[in-house]
Protein backbone atom coordinates (compact mmCIF):
# COMPACT_ATOMS: atom_id res chain seq x y z
CA MET A 1 -0.02 0.04 0.26
CA LEU A 2 1.03 3.94 -0.85
CA ILE A 3 0.82 6.01 1.64
CA LEU A 4 1.30 9.70 1.21
CA LEU A 5 2.56 11.35 4.82
CA THR A 6 1.26 14.75 5.51
CA ASN A 7 1.08 17.39 8.52
CA ASP A 8 0.84 21.32 9.22
CA ASP A 9 3.42 21.25 11.90
CA GLY A 10 6.42 20.98 9.20
CA ILE A 11 9.12 18.25 7.21
CA TYR A 12 11.10 18.10 10.75
CA ALA A 13 8.63 18.04 12.70
CA PRO A 14 8.47 14.77 15.93
CA GLY A 15 4.79 13.77 15.56
CA LEU A 16 5.13 13.30 11.62
CA ARG A 17 8.78 11.47 12.63
CA ALA A 18 7.23 8.75 14.80
CA LEU A 19 3.92 8.46 12.39
CA ARG A 20 6.25 7.91 9.67
CA THR A 21 8.06 4.72 11.42
CA GLU A 22 4.85 3.31 12.83
CA LEU A 23 2.83 3.64 8.87
CA ARG A 24 5.95 2.34 7.27
CA LYS A 25 4.48 -1.01 9.15
CA LEU A 26 1.16 -0.74 7.08
CA GLY A 27 2.82 0.31 3.57
CA HIS A 28 5.06 2.06 1.59
CA VAL A 29 5.25 5.72 2.85
CA ILE A 30 6.71 8.45 0.69
CA VAL A 31 6.10 12.33 3.07
CA VAL A 32 5.47 15.14 0.84
CA ALA A 33 4.66 18.12 4.67
CA PRO A 34 5.20 22.03 4.66
CA ALA A 35 9.83 23.54 4.36
CA SER A 36 8.15 25.62 7.44
CA GLU A 37 5.33 24.90 10.28
CA GLN A 38 1.02 26.12 8.54
CA SER A 39 0.02 25.31 12.22
CA ALA A 40 -3.80 26.33 12.00
CA VAL A 41 -3.82 27.80 8.37
CA GLY A 42 -6.78 26.28 7.97
CA HIS A 43 -7.40 25.06 3.70
CA SER A 44 -5.60 27.80 2.13
CA VAL A 45 -3.88 27.00 -1.53
CA THR A 46 -0.78 28.86 -2.78
CA LEU A 47 -1.73 30.57 -5.88
CA LYS A 48 0.84 33.55 -6.97
CA ASN A 49 4.01 32.74 -5.52
CA PRO A 50 5.41 29.65 -6.71
CA LEU A 51 5.47 25.67 -4.61
CA ILE A 52 9.65 25.41 -4.27
CA VAL A 53 10.20 21.04 -4.01
CA GLN A 54 13.13 20.33 -1.33
CA GLU A 55 14.20 16.81 -1.52
CA VAL A 56 14.83 15.70 2.00
CA LEU A 57 16.99 12.84 3.68
CA ASP A 58 17.00 10.84 6.99
CA GLU A 59 19.11 9.83 9.59
CA ASN A 60 20.66 7.50 7.27
CA ARG A 61 21.20 9.42 4.76
CA GLU A 62 18.35 7.75 2.92
CA LYS A 63 14.94 9.60 0.89
CA PHE A 64 12.76 10.93 3.96
CA GLY A 65 10.75 13.02 0.84
CA TRP A 66 10.02 16.14 0.04
CA ALA A 67 9.42 19.51 1.52
CA VAL A 68 7.34 22.00 0.07
CA GLU A 69 7.55 25.85 0.46
CA GLY A 70 3.67 25.96 0.93
CA ARG A 71 0.69 24.73 2.55
CA PRO A 72 -0.21 21.68 3.92
CA ALA A 73 -3.49 21.62 0.71
CA ASP A 74 -0.09 22.25 -1.84
CA CYS A 75 1.35 19.71 -0.29
CA VAL A 76 -1.15 16.72 -1.24
CA LYS A 77 -2.36 18.60 -4.53
CA LEU A 78 1.89 18.55 -5.67
CA ALA A 79 1.91 15.20 -4.27
CA ILE A 80 -0.63 13.45 -5.96
CA ARG A 81 -0.34 15.67 -9.26
CA GLU A 82 3.70 15.53 -9.65
CA LEU A 83 5.46 14.02 -7.24
CA LEU A 84 3.66 10.03 -6.47
CA PRO A 85 4.26 7.86 -9.01
CA THR A 86 1.23 6.54 -8.97
CA ALA A 87 -1.66 7.73 -6.54
CA PRO A 88 -1.72 6.60 -3.64
CA GLU A 89 -4.43 4.40 -1.16
CA LEU A 90 -4.20 6.32 1.85
CA VAL A 91 -3.46 9.56 3.60
CA VAL A 92 -2.47 10.64 6.33
CA SER A 93 -1.98 13.77 7.87
CA GLY A 94 0.39 14.52 11.17
CA LEU A 95 1.20 13.04 14.12
CA ASN A 96 0.12 17.04 15.10
CA ALA A 97 1.87 19.00 17.63
CA GLY A 98 -2.07 19.59 19.81
CA GLY A 99 -5.72 18.41 19.67
CA ASN A 100 -7.81 19.25 16.49
CA ALA A 101 -11.24 18.56 18.29
CA GLY A 102 -14.91 20.92 17.90
CA ILE A 103 -14.74 23.97 15.75
CA ASN A 104 -11.09 23.85 15.45
CA VAL A 105 -10.91 21.04 12.87
CA LEU A 106 -12.57 23.93 10.45
CA TYR A 107 -9.68 26.56 11.53
CA SER A 108 -6.27 23.11 11.06
CA GLY A 109 -4.21 22.28 8.39
CA THR A 110 -3.48 18.69 9.34
CA VAL A 111 -7.69 18.44 8.57
CA ALA A 112 -6.95 20.84 5.49
CA ALA A 113 -4.97 18.37 4.16
CA ALA A 114 -6.99 15.45 4.87
CA ILE A 115 -9.34 16.25 3.31
CA GLU A 116 -7.69 17.62 0.02
CA GLY A 117 -7.19 13.81 0.05
CA ALA A 118 -10.42 12.94 -0.01
CA PHE A 119 -10.80 15.49 -2.60
CA PHE A 120 -8.56 13.45 -4.99
CA HIS A 121 -11.30 9.71 -3.64
CA VAL A 122 -8.88 8.73 -1.54
CA THR A 123 -8.95 8.07 1.38
CA SER A 124 -8.15 10.33 3.92
CA ILE A 125 -6.77 10.22 7.85
CA ALA A 126 -6.19 13.35 10.24
CA CYS A 127 -4.60 12.83 13.60
CA SER A 128 -3.67 14.89 15.92
CA LEU A 129 -1.69 13.84 19.91
CA VAL A 130 -3.62 15.38 22.31
CA PHE A 131 -1.28 17.08 25.44
CA THR A 132 -0.98 19.99 28.31
CA GLU A 133 0.79 22.62 26.87
CA GLY A 134 3.04 25.50 29.04
CA LYS A 135 5.82 25.64 31.99
CA GLY A 136 5.93 22.55 33.94
CA ALA A 137 3.50 20.69 32.10
CA PRO A 138 5.59 17.08 30.10
CA LEU A 139 7.06 17.12 27.28
CA PRO A 140 4.65 14.99 24.61
CA ASP A 141 5.15 11.43 24.03
CA TYR A 142 4.49 11.13 19.92
CA VAL A 143 6.53 7.23 19.80
CA ARG A 144 3.35 6.62 21.77
CA GLY A 145 1.13 8.59 20.52
CA ALA A 146 1.57 7.48 16.61
CA ALA A 147 1.72 3.79 18.21
CA ARG A 148 -1.70 4.72 19.15
CA ALA A 149 -2.63 7.08 15.78
CA ARG A 150 -1.24 3.16 13.79
CA GLN A 151 -3.62 0.87 14.98
CA VAL A 152 -6.74 3.21 15.10
CA ILE A 153 -5.44 3.85 11.37
CA GLU A 154 -5.30 -0.45 11.05
CA GLN A 155 -8.59 -1.30 12.62
CA ILE A 156 -9.97 1.90 10.24
CA LEU A 157 -8.84 0.36 6.76
CA ALA A 158 -9.79 -3.06 7.97
CA HIS A 159 -13.71 -2.28 7.63
CA ARG A 160 -13.16 -1.40 4.43
CA PRO A 161 -14.45 2.80 4.37
CA PRO A 162 -16.10 3.43 0.70
CA THR A 163 -13.19 5.43 -1.60
CA GLY A 164 -12.55 9.02 -0.46
CA SER A 165 -13.87 8.16 3.63
CA LEU A 166 -12.51 10.51 5.57
CA PHE A 167 -12.04 10.78 9.52
CA ASN A 168 -9.99 12.36 12.02
CA ILE A 169 -8.11 10.92 15.39
CA ASN A 170 -7.55 12.24 18.26
CA VAL A 171 -5.18 10.48 20.61
CA PRO A 172 -5.62 12.04 24.73
CA ASP A 173 -1.28 11.95 25.51
CA VAL A 174 -1.34 9.64 28.73
CA ASP A 175 -0.40 6.49 29.74
CA ASP A 176 -2.41 2.86 29.46
CA ALA A 177 -3.93 4.11 32.87
CA GLY A 178 -5.48 6.55 31.77
CA LEU A 179 -6.84 5.69 28.97
CA ARG A 180 -10.03 4.81 28.58
CA GLY A 181 -10.46 3.30 25.69
CA LEU A 182 -11.86 4.64 21.99
CA ARG A 183 -15.13 6.58 21.21
CA THR A 184 -16.60 7.40 17.79
CA VAL A 185 -18.41 10.41 18.45
CA THR A 186 -19.91 13.99 16.27
CA GLN A 187 -17.57 16.74 16.46
CA ASN A 188 -18.55 19.35 19.08
CA ILE A 189 -19.72 22.09 17.89
CA SER A 190 -19.93 24.61 20.51
CA SER A 191 -17.77 28.02 20.56
CA PHE A 192 -14.93 28.70 22.56
CA GLU A 193 -13.75 31.26 24.35
CA GLU A 194 -10.23 32.87 23.02
CA ALA A 195 -8.45 35.78 24.20
CA TYR A 196 -6.14 37.82 23.49
CA ASP A 197 -3.08 39.28 25.42
CA ARG A 198 -3.20 44.00 24.99
CA ARG A 199 -0.09 45.51 24.15
CA THR A 200 1.94 47.92 23.32
CA ASP A 201 5.31 47.72 21.31
CA PRO A 202 8.27 51.19 21.92
CA ARG A 203 6.82 53.52 19.43
CA GLY A 204 3.17 53.17 20.76
CA ARG A 205 1.27 51.38 19.12
CA VAL A 206 -1.43 48.82 19.92
CA TYR A 207 -0.41 44.94 18.76
CA PHE A 208 -1.97 41.61 20.01
CA TRP A 209 -0.91 38.11 20.99
CA SER A 210 -3.83 35.21 20.79
CA HIS A 211 -3.60 33.87 23.92
CA PRO A 212 -2.38 30.44 24.37
CA ASP A 213 -4.83 29.01 26.41
CA TYR A 214 -9.03 28.52 25.16
CA SER A 215 -11.38 26.37 26.53
CA CYS A 216 -15.10 25.55 26.13
CA PRO A 217 -16.66 26.75 28.31
CA ASP A 218 -19.97 24.66 27.15
CA PRO A 219 -19.47 21.61 25.30
CA HIS A 220 -22.54 18.86 24.16
CA PRO A 221 -22.25 15.84 25.23
CA ASP A 222 -21.20 12.61 23.82
CA THR A 223 -18.71 15.19 21.16
CA ASP A 224 -14.98 14.70 20.88
CA ILE A 225 -14.34 17.55 22.82
CA THR A 226 -15.98 15.63 25.77
CA ALA A 227 -14.44 12.11 25.34
CA LEU A 228 -10.99 13.60 25.01
CA ALA A 229 -11.59 14.94 27.97
CA ASP A 230 -12.38 12.34 29.94
CA GLY A 231 -9.80 9.70 28.82
CA TYR A 232 -10.52 8.24 25.19
CA ILE A 233 -8.91 8.53 21.96
CA THR A 234 -11.31 10.15 19.47
CA VAL A 235 -12.57 9.08 16.19
CA THR A 236 -14.71 11.34 14.13
CA PRO A 237 -15.71 10.53 10.29
CA LEU A 238 -16.23 14.25 8.51
CA GLN A 239 -17.42 15.04 5.04
CA PHE A 240 -16.80 18.78 3.53
CA ASN A 241 -20.44 19.27 1.68
CA LEU A 242 -20.87 22.45 4.11
CA THR A 243 -24.77 21.82 2.42
CA HIS A 244 -27.31 22.45 4.80
CA GLU A 245 -29.66 19.82 3.39
CA GLY A 246 -32.63 20.66 5.85
CA LEU A 247 -32.55 24.43 4.37
CA LEU A 248 -31.58 23.65 1.28
CA GLN A 249 -35.21 21.93 0.88
CA GLU A 250 -37.23 24.92 2.94
CA MET A 251 -35.88 27.09 0.26
CA ASN A 252 -37.25 25.22 -2.95
CA ARG A 253 -40.10 26.11 -1.62
CA TRP A 254 -40.02 29.91 -1.16
CA THR A 255 -41.59 32.06 -4.09
CA TRP A 256 -38.30 33.80 -6.17
CA ARG A 257 -38.60 36.89 -7.95
CA VAL A 258 -35.38 38.09 -10.18
């Protein structure tokens, strides 16, 4: 099986390296990933600048993949259209440094890369490691997280999902005793509480830093946010058709004038 591996943290991210090691147990892995971090860029693509591509070697001086000076979605487009010898049978994006759950899925470059793979009718899976950040927090265990993500991917593939299926996996960074299991859940759509630090530069101009701490104060029950908080790996099937079917049916009964 030919697997395209990408991410939004950049080709040198430890999560990508760890997941590559695990995915090589499932097939031949080719990496096409951003040359630099592209977190929270969503599904943006590059139109007015060249997509510079450079081959990258691994620690054994063997071919690792391609670094692309572009967005995660660019990487998948370029990989499938130009760089891969044949179309991949699986696209995996990750292992992201931090969770991609709830409405954050809409901002995520990690998820966007998986969506792009699904555009090409390839089964695509986004994988993220959920951990606590900040001073004094333990370093994330990407090796353990990648092993768990690979186990989930194996189980998804064993059920032979329809071509072009799209999945979002979040793995809590807890030890075996703290991991309660796996749940298939819906995406939470409650809003997050976010904050900005207001500051003034030496010339008196006001600027803002997005605060790294945010929370979902009122999450819906039985969603990815609540299941992750309870110590479960979460798996959510996604779709990129944004049409509101119920409202569309109602609008078809409206009287329109032009």
